[in-house]
């Protein structure tokens, strides 16, 4: 069995980083939206660099990706509490520590990394 205490710490550190990233992205999105409302600039036709819409789209995509990552981390922490951390959700085999070190939130062994049987 894996050292769940070590992986709990890794997951909690990763969770803290995700929470900080979520806060920063939310702040960025709010700032861009506020600037967009206070301006009558036609950024869609500005030949200089990226548009506000593009920046918002990028930040929103990163926000959604971070939320999914946070949900995966929370699920892994729940598996630690339940005693099933480190076991593949498909076949029940022990997930190699190397895989858990690379992706401590994964519920799947390498064979089932797609999440399917």
Protein backbone atom coordinates (compact mmCIF):
# COMPACT_ATOMS: atom_id res chain seq x y z
CA UNK A 1 0.00 0.00 0.00
CA UNK A 2 1.12 3.56 -0.63
CA UNK A 3 2.17 6.10 1.98
CA UNK A 4 -1.15 7.94 2.09
CA UNK A 5 0.20 10.55 4.51
CA UNK A 6 2.84 11.64 2.02
CA UNK A 7 0.31 11.77 -0.80
CA UNK A 8 -2.17 13.65 1.40
CA UNK A 9 0.46 16.35 1.86
CA UNK A 10 1.18 16.44 -1.88
CA UNK A 11 -2.53 16.72 -2.63
CA UNK A 12 -3.10 19.40 -0.02
CA UNK A 13 -0.18 21.43 -1.44
CA UNK A 14 -1.60 21.00 -4.95
CA UNK A 15 -5.05 22.00 -3.68
CA UNK A 16 -3.65 25.18 -2.15
CA UNK A 17 -1.95 26.08 -5.43
CA UNK A 18 -5.20 25.47 -7.34
CA UNK A 19 -7.17 27.63 -4.91
CA UNK A 20 -4.66 30.46 -5.32
CA UNK A 21 -4.80 30.09 -9.11
CA UNK A 22 -8.61 30.10 -9.05
CA UNK A 23 -8.62 33.30 -7.01
CA UNK A 24 -6.14 34.96 -9.37
CA UNK A 25 -8.03 33.90 -12.49
CA UNK A 26 -11.35 35.04 -11.04
CA UNK A 27 -9.79 38.39 -10.20
CA UNK A 28 -8.34 38.69 -13.72
CA UNK A 29 -11.70 37.92 -15.30
CA UNK A 30 -13.44 40.45 -13.06
CA UNK A 31 -10.83 43.10 -13.90
CA UNK A 32 -11.07 42.52 -17.64
CA UNK A 33 -14.87 42.60 -17.51
CA UNK A 34 -14.79 45.81 -15.50
CA UNK A 35 -12.34 47.40 -17.96
CA UNK A 36 -14.47 46.24 -20.85
CA UNK A 37 -17.59 47.87 -19.37
CA UNK A 38 -15.78 51.16 -18.73
CA UNK A 39 -14.42 51.40 -22.26
CA UNK A 40 -15.93 51.86 -25.67
CA UNK A 41 -12.87 50.48 -27.46
CA UNK A 42 -13.63 48.23 -30.41
CA UNK A 43 -11.09 45.59 -29.44
CA UNK A 44 -12.43 43.11 -32.01
CA UNK A 45 -10.92 45.21 -34.80
CA UNK A 46 -7.77 46.37 -33.06
CA UNK A 47 -4.74 45.23 -35.07
CA UNK A 48 -2.55 45.39 -31.96
CA UNK A 49 -2.27 42.04 -30.20
CA UNK A 50 -4.97 39.90 -28.72
CA UNK A 51 -8.50 41.03 -28.06
CA UNK A 52 -10.21 41.38 -24.72
CA UNK A 53 -12.61 38.64 -25.82
CA UNK A 54 -9.67 36.32 -26.50
CA UNK A 55 -8.13 37.05 -23.11
CA UNK A 56 -11.47 36.43 -21.40
CA UNK A 57 -11.89 33.18 -23.28
CA UNK A 58 -8.42 32.03 -22.30
CA UNK A 59 -8.86 32.96 -18.64
CA UNK A 60 -12.29 31.28 -18.54
CA UNK A 61 -10.87 28.07 -20.02
CA UNK A 62 -8.05 28.06 -17.45
CA UNK A 63 -10.60 28.69 -14.69
CA UNK A 64 -12.72 25.70 -15.77
CA UNK A 65 -9.63 23.48 -16.09
CA UNK A 66 -8.51 24.49 -12.59
CA UNK A 67 -11.96 23.77 -11.16
CA UNK A 68 -11.88 20.28 -12.69
CA UNK A 69 -8.39 19.76 -11.25
CA UNK A 70 -9.58 20.87 -7.83
CA UNK A 71 -12.48 18.40 -8.00
CA UNK A 72 -10.03 15.61 -8.86
CA UNK A 73 -7.84 16.54 -5.90
CA UNK A 74 -10.84 16.62 -3.55
CA UNK A 75 -11.91 13.18 -4.82
CA UNK A 76 -8.40 11.82 -4.17
CA UNK A 77 -8.45 13.23 -0.62
CA UNK A 78 -11.82 11.52 -0.10
CA UNK A 79 -10.31 8.23 -1.30
CA UNK A 80 -7.54 8.62 1.29
CA UNK A 81 -10.16 9.01 4.02
CA UNK A 82 -12.12 6.04 2.65
CA UNK A 83 -8.98 3.89 2.48
CA UNK A 84 -9.20 3.31 -1.27
CA UNK A 85 -6.48 5.73 -2.35
CA UNK A 86 -3.88 4.14 -4.59
CA UNK A 87 -6.24 1.46 -5.89
CA UNK A 88 -7.50 1.56 -9.47
CA UNK A 89 -11.19 2.48 -9.67
CA UNK A 90 -11.65 0.05 -12.57
CA UNK A 91 -9.73 -3.11 -11.64
CA UNK A 92 -8.77 -2.56 -7.99
CA UNK A 93 -5.06 -3.08 -8.67
CA UNK A 94 -2.49 -1.03 -6.77
CA UNK A 95 -1.51 2.08 -8.71
CA UNK A 96 2.31 2.29 -8.96
CA UNK A 97 3.83 4.98 -6.75
CA UNK A 98 5.60 6.49 -9.75
CA UNK A 99 2.23 7.15 -11.37
CA UNK A 100 0.85 8.61 -8.13
CA UNK A 101 3.89 10.85 -7.80
CA UNK A 102 3.26 12.20 -11.32
CA UNK A 103 -0.53 12.41 -10.92
CA UNK A 104 -1.40 12.07 -7.23
CA UNK A 105 -5.11 12.67 -7.95
CA UNK A 106 -5.49 9.80 -10.43
CA UNK A 107 -7.97 7.04 -9.60
CA UNK A 108 -6.66 4.77 -12.38
CA UNK A 109 -3.73 2.46 -13.00
CA UNK A 110 -1.80 2.89 -16.26
CA UNK A 111 -3.81 0.17 -18.00
CA UNK A 112 -7.06 1.97 -17.23
CA UNK A 113 -5.78 5.54 -17.53
CA UNK A 114 -8.60 6.32 -19.98
CA UNK A 115 -11.04 5.51 -17.19
CA UNK A 116 -12.56 2.58 -19.08
CA UNK A 117 -12.40 -1.15 -18.53
